[in-house]
Amino acid sequence: MKSEKKIIIDALYERINQSPFLLVADYSGMTVKQFTELRKRLRATGATFNVAKNTFVKQAAASASMPDTVGSLLAGQTAVVTGASDVCAAAKTIKAFHKEFNRPVMRGGVLDGAVLSAAQVEALAELPAKEVLQSQLLGLLQEPARRMVTVLNEPLASLARVLQAKVDQAG
């Protein structure tokens, strides 16, 4: 039995250690059909939804150097969500699923070593998609260059307007 526990803890450790985030949810009251549907939706975002004993998750999280306060999130029927990269997409998926079925209930999580409350995970779900944020950042980075070009072109444009006004006045 000990070897089976070690295998489960090691598998959890691998998932937690390879993921930049860990979301913790209470899955009580979910049906098998709902589990299957949520797992399918999360898989589309690159995330996984796993159920494990709280003690196993605590041990795996401790091995992965997660903050000690993660243990406070682990009580009752617990499922953990891990993924390759986009925590916002996973949080949005869980939020949409919760809105539809009133389950699972988000308890909190960890993102890059910082413990998140349920409200903070909710805030992550409200963020725009990664591509939208990237395009907004690109727009912000391009703005100073655009303004500089406008300022540099203004003296020449002013001269051209003055010359055109002189031509119009003479003509």
N, C-alpha and C. Protein backbone atom coordinates (compact mmCIF):
# COMPACT_ATOMS: atom_id res chain seq x y z
N MET A 1 0.82 -1.20 0.00
CA MET A 1 0.00 0.00 0.00
C MET A 1 0.86 1.26 0.00
N LYS A 2 2.00 1.21 0.71
CA LYS A 2 2.86 2.38 0.77
C LYS A 2 3.39 2.75 -0.61
N SER A 3 3.70 1.75 -1.43
CA SER A 3 4.23 2.04 -2.77
C SER A 3 3.16 2.70 -3.63
N GLU A 4 1.90 2.31 -3.46
CA GLU A 4 0.81 2.92 -4.21
C GLU A 4 0.64 4.39 -3.82
N LYS A 5 0.74 4.67 -2.52
CA LYS A 5 0.65 6.04 -2.05
C LYS A 5 1.79 6.88 -2.61
N LYS A 6 2.99 6.30 -2.60
CA LYS A 6 4.16 7.01 -3.11
C LYS A 6 3.99 7.32 -4.60
N ILE A 7 3.44 6.40 -5.35
CA ILE A 7 3.22 6.60 -6.80
C ILE A 7 2.23 7.75 -7.01
N ILE A 8 1.16 7.76 -6.22
CA ILE A 8 0.14 8.82 -6.35
C ILE A 8 0.75 10.17 -5.97
N ILE A 9 1.48 10.21 -4.87
CA ILE A 9 2.10 11.47 -4.43
C ILE A 9 3.13 11.95 -5.45
N ASP A 10 3.91 11.04 -6.00
CA ASP A 10 4.90 11.41 -7.01
C ASP A 10 4.23 11.95 -8.27
N ALA A 11 3.11 11.34 -8.68
CA ALA A 11 2.38 11.83 -9.85
C ALA A 11 1.83 13.24 -9.59
N LEU A 12 1.28 13.44 -8.39
CA LEU A 12 0.79 14.77 -8.02
C LEU A 12 1.94 15.77 -7.98
N TYR A 13 3.06 15.37 -7.42
CA TYR A 13 4.23 16.25 -7.35
C TYR A 13 4.65 16.68 -8.76
N GLU A 14 4.69 15.75 -9.68
CA GLU A 14 5.08 16.07 -11.07
C GLU A 14 4.14 17.11 -11.67
N ARG A 15 2.83 16.90 -11.49
CA ARG A 15 1.85 17.85 -12.03
C ARG A 15 2.02 19.23 -11.40
N ILE A 16 2.13 19.25 -10.07
CA ILE A 16 2.24 20.52 -9.35
C ILE A 16 3.56 21.22 -9.68
N ASN A 17 4.63 20.46 -9.74
CA ASN A 17 5.95 21.04 -9.97
C ASN A 17 6.09 21.60 -11.39
N GLN A 18 5.42 20.99 -12.36
CA GLN A 18 5.52 21.44 -13.76
C GLN A 18 4.55 22.56 -14.08
N SER A 19 3.64 22.85 -13.18
CA SER A 19 2.63 23.86 -13.43
C SER A 19 2.98 25.16 -12.71
N PRO A 20 2.79 26.31 -13.37
CA PRO A 20 3.03 27.57 -12.68
C PRO A 20 1.91 27.93 -11.70
N PHE A 21 0.82 27.17 -11.72
CA PHE A 21 -0.31 27.46 -10.84
C PHE A 21 -0.92 26.18 -10.30
N LEU A 22 -1.64 26.34 -9.20
CA LEU A 22 -2.40 25.27 -8.59
C LEU A 22 -3.69 25.89 -8.08
N LEU A 23 -4.81 25.44 -8.60
CA LEU A 23 -6.11 25.93 -8.14
C LEU A 23 -6.77 24.82 -7.33
N VAL A 24 -7.40 25.18 -6.24
CA VAL A 24 -8.04 24.21 -5.35
C VAL A 24 -9.53 24.48 -5.32
N ALA A 25 -10.30 23.41 -5.54
CA ALA A 25 -11.76 23.55 -5.57
C ALA A 25 -12.42 22.46 -4.75
N ASP A 26 -13.61 22.74 -4.28
CA ASP A 26 -14.45 21.77 -3.57
C ASP A 26 -15.41 21.18 -4.60
N TYR A 27 -15.29 19.88 -4.85
CA TYR A 27 -16.09 19.24 -5.88
C TYR A 27 -17.33 18.53 -5.35
N SER A 28 -17.67 18.71 -4.08
CA SER A 28 -18.78 17.98 -3.50
C SER A 28 -20.07 18.23 -4.28
N GLY A 29 -20.80 17.16 -4.49
CA GLY A 29 -22.07 17.23 -5.19
C GLY A 29 -21.97 17.11 -6.71
N MET A 30 -20.77 17.00 -7.25
CA MET A 30 -20.64 16.87 -8.71
C MET A 30 -20.92 15.44 -9.14
N THR A 31 -21.57 15.32 -10.28
CA THR A 31 -21.85 14.00 -10.84
C THR A 31 -20.69 13.57 -11.74
N VAL A 32 -20.67 12.31 -12.08
CA VAL A 32 -19.64 11.79 -12.99
C VAL A 32 -19.72 12.51 -14.33
N LYS A 33 -20.92 12.77 -14.79
CA LYS A 33 -21.11 13.46 -16.07
C LYS A 33 -20.52 14.88 -16.00
N GLN A 34 -20.73 15.55 -14.87
CA GLN A 34 -20.18 16.90 -14.70
C GLN A 34 -18.65 16.86 -14.63
N PHE A 35 -18.10 15.86 -13.93
CA PHE A 35 -16.65 15.70 -13.88
C PHE A 35 -16.08 15.55 -15.28
N THR A 36 -16.70 14.69 -16.05
CA THR A 36 -16.22 14.43 -17.41
C THR A 36 -16.28 15.70 -18.25
N GLU A 37 -17.37 16.43 -18.13
CA GLU A 37 -17.52 17.66 -18.92
C GLU A 37 -16.50 18.72 -18.49
N LEU A 38 -16.31 18.90 -17.19
CA LEU A 38 -15.35 19.89 -16.71
C LEU A 38 -13.93 19.51 -17.13
N ARG A 39 -13.59 18.25 -17.01
CA ARG A 39 -12.25 17.81 -17.44
C ARG A 39 -12.04 18.07 -18.93
N LYS A 40 -13.07 17.83 -19.71
CA LYS A 40 -12.99 18.07 -21.16
C LYS A 40 -12.77 19.56 -21.45
N ARG A 41 -13.52 20.42 -20.77
CA ARG A 41 -13.38 21.86 -20.98
C ARG A 41 -12.00 22.36 -20.53
N LEU A 42 -11.52 21.84 -19.40
CA LEU A 42 -10.21 22.27 -18.91
C LEU A 42 -9.09 21.74 -19.81
N ARG A 43 -9.25 20.55 -20.34
CA ARG A 43 -8.24 19.99 -21.25
C ARG A 43 -8.06 20.91 -22.46
N ALA A 44 -9.13 21.52 -22.92
CA ALA A 44 -9.05 22.45 -24.06
C ALA A 44 -8.20 23.67 -23.74
N THR A 45 -8.06 24.01 -22.46
CA THR A 45 -7.23 25.15 -22.05
C THR A 45 -5.83 24.72 -21.65
N GLY A 46 -5.56 23.42 -21.69
CA GLY A 46 -4.25 22.92 -21.29
C GLY A 46 -4.14 22.62 -19.81
N ALA A 47 -5.28 22.52 -19.13
CA ALA A 47 -5.28 22.27 -17.69
C ALA A 47 -5.91 20.91 -17.38
N THR A 48 -5.63 20.40 -16.18
CA THR A 48 -6.22 19.14 -15.75
C THR A 48 -6.91 19.33 -14.41
N PHE A 49 -7.93 18.51 -14.17
CA PHE A 49 -8.74 18.55 -12.95
C PHE A 49 -8.59 17.20 -12.29
N ASN A 50 -7.91 17.15 -11.14
CA ASN A 50 -7.62 15.88 -10.48
C ASN A 50 -8.15 15.87 -9.06
N VAL A 51 -8.67 14.71 -8.67
CA VAL A 51 -9.14 14.50 -7.31
C VAL A 51 -8.09 13.66 -6.59
N ALA A 52 -7.74 14.07 -5.38
CA ALA A 52 -6.76 13.31 -4.58
C ALA A 52 -7.03 13.57 -3.11
N LYS A 53 -6.53 12.67 -2.29
CA LYS A 53 -6.67 12.85 -0.85
C LYS A 53 -5.90 14.10 -0.45
N ASN A 54 -6.47 14.83 0.50
CA ASN A 54 -5.85 16.06 0.96
C ASN A 54 -4.43 15.84 1.48
N THR A 55 -4.20 14.75 2.19
CA THR A 55 -2.86 14.48 2.70
C THR A 55 -1.86 14.27 1.57
N PHE A 56 -2.30 13.63 0.49
CA PHE A 56 -1.42 13.42 -0.66
C PHE A 56 -1.07 14.75 -1.32
N VAL A 57 -2.08 15.60 -1.47
CA VAL A 57 -1.85 16.92 -2.09
C VAL A 57 -0.92 17.74 -1.21
N LYS A 58 -1.12 17.70 0.11
CA LYS A 58 -0.24 18.44 1.03
C LYS A 58 1.21 17.98 0.89
N GLN A 59 1.41 16.67 0.84
CA GLN A 59 2.77 16.14 0.72
C GLN A 59 3.39 16.53 -0.62
N ALA A 60 2.62 16.43 -1.68
CA ALA A 60 3.13 16.78 -3.01
C ALA A 60 3.43 18.27 -3.09
N ALA A 61 2.55 19.09 -2.53
CA ALA A 61 2.76 20.54 -2.54
C ALA A 61 3.99 20.92 -1.71
N ALA A 62 4.18 20.27 -0.58
CA ALA A 62 5.36 20.55 0.24
C ALA A 62 6.63 20.16 -0.51
N SER A 63 6.59 19.03 -1.20
CA SER A 63 7.76 18.60 -1.99
C SER A 63 8.05 19.57 -3.13
N ALA A 64 7.00 20.21 -3.65
CA ALA A 64 7.16 21.15 -4.76
C ALA A 64 7.46 22.56 -4.27
N SER A 65 7.74 22.70 -2.97
CA SER A 65 8.08 24.00 -2.36
C SER A 65 6.95 25.01 -2.46
N MET A 66 5.72 24.55 -2.36
CA MET A 66 4.57 25.45 -2.30
C MET A 66 4.50 26.04 -0.89
N PRO A 67 3.89 27.20 -0.73
CA PRO A 67 3.76 27.80 0.60
C PRO A 67 2.99 26.88 1.55
N ASP A 68 3.32 26.94 2.83
CA ASP A 68 2.68 26.10 3.83
C ASP A 68 1.19 26.38 3.96
N THR A 69 0.78 27.59 3.62
CA THR A 69 -0.63 27.96 3.76
C THR A 69 -1.55 27.25 2.77
N VAL A 70 -0.98 26.53 1.83
CA VAL A 70 -1.80 25.74 0.89
C VAL A 70 -2.62 24.73 1.66
N GLY A 71 -2.07 24.23 2.75
CA GLY A 71 -2.77 23.24 3.56
C GLY A 71 -4.11 23.73 4.07
N SER A 72 -4.25 25.04 4.27
CA SER A 72 -5.51 25.58 4.76
C SER A 72 -6.62 25.49 3.71
N LEU A 73 -6.24 25.34 2.45
CA LEU A 73 -7.23 25.21 1.37
C LEU A 73 -7.73 23.77 1.23
N LEU A 74 -6.99 22.84 1.83
CA LEU A 74 -7.27 21.42 1.64
C LEU A 74 -8.09 20.87 2.78
N ALA A 75 -9.40 20.87 2.59
CA ALA A 75 -10.33 20.31 3.58
C ALA A 75 -11.56 19.82 2.83
N GLY A 76 -12.10 18.72 3.26
CA GLY A 76 -13.28 18.18 2.59
C GLY A 76 -12.94 17.55 1.26
N GLN A 77 -13.88 17.59 0.35
CA GLN A 77 -13.67 16.98 -0.97
C GLN A 77 -12.93 17.97 -1.85
N THR A 78 -11.68 17.63 -2.15
CA THR A 78 -10.79 18.56 -2.83
C THR A 78 -10.37 18.04 -4.19
N ALA A 79 -10.39 18.96 -5.15
CA ALA A 79 -9.84 18.70 -6.48
C ALA A 79 -8.83 19.80 -6.77
N VAL A 80 -7.78 19.44 -7.48
CA VAL A 80 -6.76 20.42 -7.83
C VAL A 80 -6.71 20.57 -9.35
N VAL A 81 -6.47 21.80 -9.78
CA VAL A 81 -6.35 22.11 -11.20
C VAL A 81 -4.92 22.59 -11.42
N THR A 82 -4.24 21.95 -12.36
CA THR A 82 -2.90 22.37 -12.76
C THR A 82 -2.89 22.50 -14.27
N GLY A 83 -1.91 23.19 -14.79
CA GLY A 83 -1.85 23.36 -16.23
C GLY A 83 -0.48 23.79 -16.68
N ALA A 84 -0.34 23.87 -17.99
CA ALA A 84 0.96 24.20 -18.58
C ALA A 84 1.28 25.68 -18.49
N SER A 85 0.28 26.55 -18.72
CA SER A 85 0.65 27.96 -18.77
C SER A 85 -0.43 28.94 -18.33
N ASP A 86 -1.62 28.86 -18.88
CA ASP A 86 -2.59 29.94 -18.75
C ASP A 86 -3.56 29.73 -17.60
N VAL A 87 -3.24 30.32 -16.45
CA VAL A 87 -4.09 30.21 -15.27
C VAL A 87 -5.43 30.92 -15.50
N CYS A 88 -5.42 32.00 -16.25
CA CYS A 88 -6.66 32.75 -16.50
C CYS A 88 -7.68 31.91 -17.26
N ALA A 89 -7.21 31.18 -18.26
CA ALA A 89 -8.12 30.34 -19.05
C ALA A 89 -8.73 29.25 -18.17
N ALA A 90 -7.92 28.65 -17.31
CA ALA A 90 -8.44 27.62 -16.40
C ALA A 90 -9.45 28.22 -15.42
N ALA A 91 -9.12 29.39 -14.87
CA ALA A 91 -10.03 30.05 -13.93
C ALA A 91 -11.34 30.43 -14.62
N LYS A 92 -11.26 30.91 -15.86
CA LYS A 92 -12.47 31.26 -16.61
C LYS A 92 -13.34 30.03 -16.84
N THR A 93 -12.70 28.93 -17.18
CA THR A 93 -13.44 27.69 -17.44
C THR A 93 -14.17 27.23 -16.19
N ILE A 94 -13.48 27.26 -15.06
CA ILE A 94 -14.12 26.84 -13.80
C ILE A 94 -15.24 27.79 -13.43
N LYS A 95 -15.02 29.09 -13.62
CA LYS A 95 -16.05 30.07 -13.29
C LYS A 95 -17.30 29.86 -14.16
N ALA A 96 -17.10 29.65 -15.46
CA ALA A 96 -18.23 29.41 -16.37
C ALA A 96 -18.96 28.12 -15.99
N PHE A 97 -18.20 27.08 -15.65
CA PHE A 97 -18.80 25.81 -15.26
C PHE A 97 -19.59 25.98 -13.97
N HIS A 98 -19.03 26.73 -13.01
CA HIS A 98 -19.72 26.99 -11.74
C HIS A 98 -21.02 27.77 -11.98
N LYS A 99 -20.97 28.72 -12.90
CA LYS A 99 -22.16 29.51 -13.21
C LYS A 99 -23.26 28.62 -13.80
N GLU A 100 -22.84 27.62 -14.58
CA GLU A 100 -23.78 26.73 -15.24
C GLU A 100 -24.34 25.66 -14.29
N PHE A 101 -23.48 25.06 -13.44
CA PHE A 101 -23.89 23.93 -12.61
C PHE A 101 -23.82 24.20 -11.10
N ASN A 102 -23.36 25.40 -10.71
CA ASN A 102 -23.20 25.76 -9.30
C ASN A 102 -22.17 24.88 -8.58
N ARG A 103 -21.28 24.28 -9.33
CA ARG A 103 -20.19 23.44 -8.83
C ARG A 103 -19.07 23.48 -9.85
N PRO A 104 -17.85 23.32 -9.48
CA PRO A 104 -17.25 23.23 -8.16
C PRO A 104 -17.12 24.61 -7.54
N VAL A 105 -16.84 24.63 -6.24
CA VAL A 105 -16.67 25.88 -5.51
C VAL A 105 -15.17 26.13 -5.36
N MET A 106 -14.72 27.26 -5.86
CA MET A 106 -13.30 27.59 -5.80
C MET A 106 -12.90 27.97 -4.38
N ARG A 107 -11.82 27.38 -3.90
CA ARG A 107 -11.31 27.71 -2.55
C ARG A 107 -10.14 28.68 -2.60
N GLY A 108 -9.36 28.60 -3.65
CA GLY A 108 -8.18 29.45 -3.75
C GLY A 108 -7.14 28.77 -4.61
N GLY A 109 -5.89 29.17 -4.44
CA GLY A 109 -4.85 28.56 -5.24
C GLY A 109 -3.49 29.16 -4.97
N VAL A 110 -2.56 28.79 -5.83
CA VAL A 110 -1.20 29.30 -5.76
C VAL A 110 -0.78 29.65 -7.18
N LEU A 111 -0.20 30.83 -7.34
CA LEU A 111 0.30 31.27 -8.64
C LEU A 111 1.72 31.78 -8.45
N ASP A 112 2.67 31.11 -9.07
CA ASP A 112 4.09 31.49 -8.98
C ASP A 112 4.53 31.69 -7.53
N GLY A 113 4.11 30.78 -6.66
CA GLY A 113 4.54 30.81 -5.27
C GLY A 113 3.71 31.68 -4.34
N ALA A 114 2.77 32.45 -4.88
CA ALA A 114 1.92 33.32 -4.05
C ALA A 114 0.56 32.67 -3.86
N VAL A 115 0.11 32.64 -2.62
CA VAL A 115 -1.19 32.03 -2.32
C VAL A 115 -2.30 33.00 -2.74
N LEU A 116 -3.32 32.47 -3.39
CA LEU A 116 -4.45 33.27 -3.87
C LEU A 116 -5.71 32.87 -3.11
N SER A 117 -6.52 33.85 -2.80
CA SER A 117 -7.83 33.57 -2.20
C SER A 117 -8.81 33.23 -3.33
N ALA A 118 -9.99 32.79 -2.96
CA ALA A 118 -11.02 32.49 -3.97
C ALA A 118 -11.36 33.76 -4.76
N ALA A 119 -11.39 34.90 -4.09
CA ALA A 119 -11.70 36.17 -4.77
C ALA A 119 -10.61 36.54 -5.77
N GLN A 120 -9.37 36.25 -5.45
CA GLN A 120 -8.28 36.55 -6.36
C GLN A 120 -8.32 35.64 -7.59
N VAL A 121 -8.70 34.39 -7.38
CA VAL A 121 -8.85 33.47 -8.52
C VAL A 121 -10.00 33.97 -9.40
N GLU A 122 -11.05 34.46 -8.77
CA GLU A 122 -12.19 35.04 -9.50
C GLU A 122 -11.72 36.24 -10.32
N ALA A 123 -10.86 37.06 -9.76
CA ALA A 123 -10.33 38.22 -10.48
C ALA A 123 -9.50 37.78 -11.68
N LEU A 124 -8.76 36.69 -11.55
CA LEU A 124 -8.00 36.16 -12.69
C LEU A 124 -8.95 35.73 -13.81
N ALA A 125 -10.09 35.19 -13.42
CA ALA A 125 -11.07 34.75 -14.42
C ALA A 125 -11.67 35.93 -15.18
N GLU A 126 -11.65 37.11 -14.56
CA GLU A 126 -12.21 38.31 -15.20
C GLU A 126 -11.26 38.96 -16.19
N LEU A 127 -9.98 38.60 -16.13
CA LEU A 127 -9.00 39.22 -17.03
C LEU A 127 -9.29 38.85 -18.49
N PRO A 128 -8.96 39.75 -19.42
CA PRO A 128 -9.13 39.41 -20.83
C PRO A 128 -8.20 38.26 -21.21
N ALA A 129 -8.44 37.69 -22.38
CA ALA A 129 -7.61 36.59 -22.86
C ALA A 129 -6.16 37.05 -23.03
N LYS A 130 -5.26 36.11 -22.99
CA LYS A 130 -3.83 36.40 -23.07
C LYS A 130 -3.49 37.17 -24.34
N GLU A 131 -4.09 36.80 -25.46
CA GLU A 131 -3.83 37.47 -26.74
C GLU A 131 -4.28 38.93 -26.70
N VAL A 132 -5.41 39.19 -26.04
CA VAL A 132 -5.92 40.56 -25.92
C VAL A 132 -4.95 41.40 -25.07
N LEU A 133 -4.49 40.83 -23.97
CA LEU A 133 -3.54 41.55 -23.11
C LEU A 133 -2.23 41.83 -23.86
N GLN A 134 -1.78 40.86 -24.66
CA GLN A 134 -0.56 41.06 -25.43
C GLN A 134 -0.74 42.18 -26.46
N SER A 135 -1.89 42.22 -27.13
CA SER A 135 -2.11 43.27 -28.12
C SER A 135 -2.24 44.64 -27.44
N GLN A 136 -2.85 44.69 -26.25
CA GLN A 136 -2.93 45.96 -25.52
C GLN A 136 -1.54 46.44 -25.11
N LEU A 137 -0.70 45.52 -24.67
CA LEU A 137 0.67 45.87 -24.31
C LEU A 137 1.44 46.37 -25.52
N LEU A 138 1.28 45.71 -26.63
CA LEU A 138 1.95 46.14 -27.86
C LEU A 138 1.50 47.54 -28.25
N GLY A 139 0.23 47.82 -28.13
CA GLY A 139 -0.30 49.16 -28.42
C GLY A 139 0.31 50.21 -27.51
N LEU A 140 0.45 49.87 -26.22
CA LEU A 140 1.06 50.80 -25.28
C LEU A 140 2.53 51.05 -25.59
N LEU A 141 3.21 50.00 -26.03
CA LEU A 141 4.63 50.14 -26.36
C LEU A 141 4.84 50.96 -27.64
N GLN A 142 3.89 50.88 -28.56
CA GLN A 142 4.01 51.61 -29.82
C GLN A 142 3.61 53.08 -29.69
N GLU A 143 2.82 53.42 -28.69
CA GLU A 143 2.30 54.78 -28.54
C GLU A 143 3.39 55.85 -28.45
N PRO A 144 4.45 55.69 -27.63
CA PRO A 144 5.49 56.73 -27.58
C PRO A 144 6.17 56.95 -28.94
N ALA A 145 6.41 55.90 -29.67
CA ALA A 145 7.05 56.03 -30.99
C ALA A 145 6.12 56.79 -31.95
N ARG A 146 4.82 56.50 -31.91
CA ARG A 146 3.86 57.18 -32.78
C ARG A 146 3.82 58.68 -32.46
N ARG A 147 3.82 58.99 -31.17
CA ARG A 147 3.79 60.40 -30.76
C ARG A 147 5.07 61.12 -31.17
N MET A 148 6.20 60.45 -31.08
CA MET A 148 7.47 61.06 -31.47
C MET A 148 7.48 61.37 -32.97
N VAL A 149 6.98 60.45 -33.78
CA VAL A 149 6.91 60.68 -35.22
C VAL A 149 6.00 61.87 -35.51
N THR A 150 4.89 61.97 -34.80
CA THR A 150 3.97 63.10 -34.99
C THR A 150 4.66 64.42 -34.65
N VAL A 151 5.38 64.46 -33.55
CA VAL A 151 6.09 65.68 -33.13
C VAL A 151 7.17 66.04 -34.14
N LEU A 152 7.90 65.06 -34.63
CA LEU A 152 8.97 65.34 -35.61
C LEU A 152 8.40 65.81 -36.94
N ASN A 153 7.24 65.34 -37.32
CA ASN A 153 6.63 65.73 -38.60
C ASN A 153 5.91 67.07 -38.52
N GLU A 154 5.56 67.52 -37.34
CA GLU A 154 4.75 68.73 -37.19
C GLU A 154 5.42 70.00 -37.75
N PRO A 155 6.71 70.27 -37.52
CA PRO A 155 7.30 71.48 -38.11
C PRO A 155 7.22 71.49 -39.64
N LEU A 156 7.46 70.35 -40.27
CA LEU A 156 7.37 70.29 -41.72
C LEU A 156 5.93 70.47 -42.19
N ALA A 157 5.00 69.89 -41.45
CA ALA A 157 3.60 70.04 -41.82
C ALA A 157 3.15 71.49 -41.66
N SER A 158 3.62 72.15 -40.60
CA SER A 158 3.29 73.56 -40.39
C SER A 158 3.85 74.42 -41.52
N LEU A 159 5.08 74.17 -41.91
CA LEU A 159 5.69 74.90 -43.02
C LEU A 159 4.91 74.69 -44.31
N ALA A 160 4.50 73.48 -44.55
CA ALA A 160 3.73 73.18 -45.76
C ALA A 160 2.39 73.92 -45.74
N ARG A 161 1.73 74.00 -44.58
CA ARG A 161 0.46 74.71 -44.48
C ARG A 161 0.65 76.22 -44.72
N VAL A 162 1.73 76.77 -44.17
CA VAL A 162 2.01 78.20 -44.37
C VAL A 162 2.27 78.48 -45.86
N LEU A 163 3.08 77.65 -46.50
CA LEU A 163 3.36 77.83 -47.92
C LEU A 163 2.09 77.70 -48.77
N GLN A 164 1.25 76.72 -48.39
CA GLN A 164 0.00 76.52 -49.14
C GLN A 164 -0.91 77.73 -48.95
N ALA A 165 -0.96 78.28 -47.75
CA ALA A 165 -1.79 79.47 -47.49
C ALA A 165 -1.27 80.65 -48.30
N LYS A 166 0.03 80.80 -48.43
CA LYS A 166 0.63 81.89 -49.20
C LYS A 166 0.28 81.72 -50.67
N VAL A 167 0.35 80.46 -51.17
CA VAL A 167 -0.01 80.21 -52.57
C VAL A 167 -1.47 80.52 -52.80
N ASP A 168 -2.33 80.09 -51.87
CA ASP A 168 -3.77 80.33 -52.00
C ASP A 168 -4.08 81.84 -51.95
N GLN A 169 -3.35 82.59 -51.13
CA GLN A 169 -3.55 84.01 -50.98
C GLN A 169 -3.11 84.74 -52.26
N ALA A 170 -2.02 84.29 -52.86
CA ALA A 170 -1.49 84.94 -54.06
C ALA A 170 -2.32 84.56 -55.27
N GLY A 171 -2.94 83.42 -55.25
CA GLY A 171 -3.64 82.91 -56.42
C GLY A 171 -5.02 83.28 -56.53
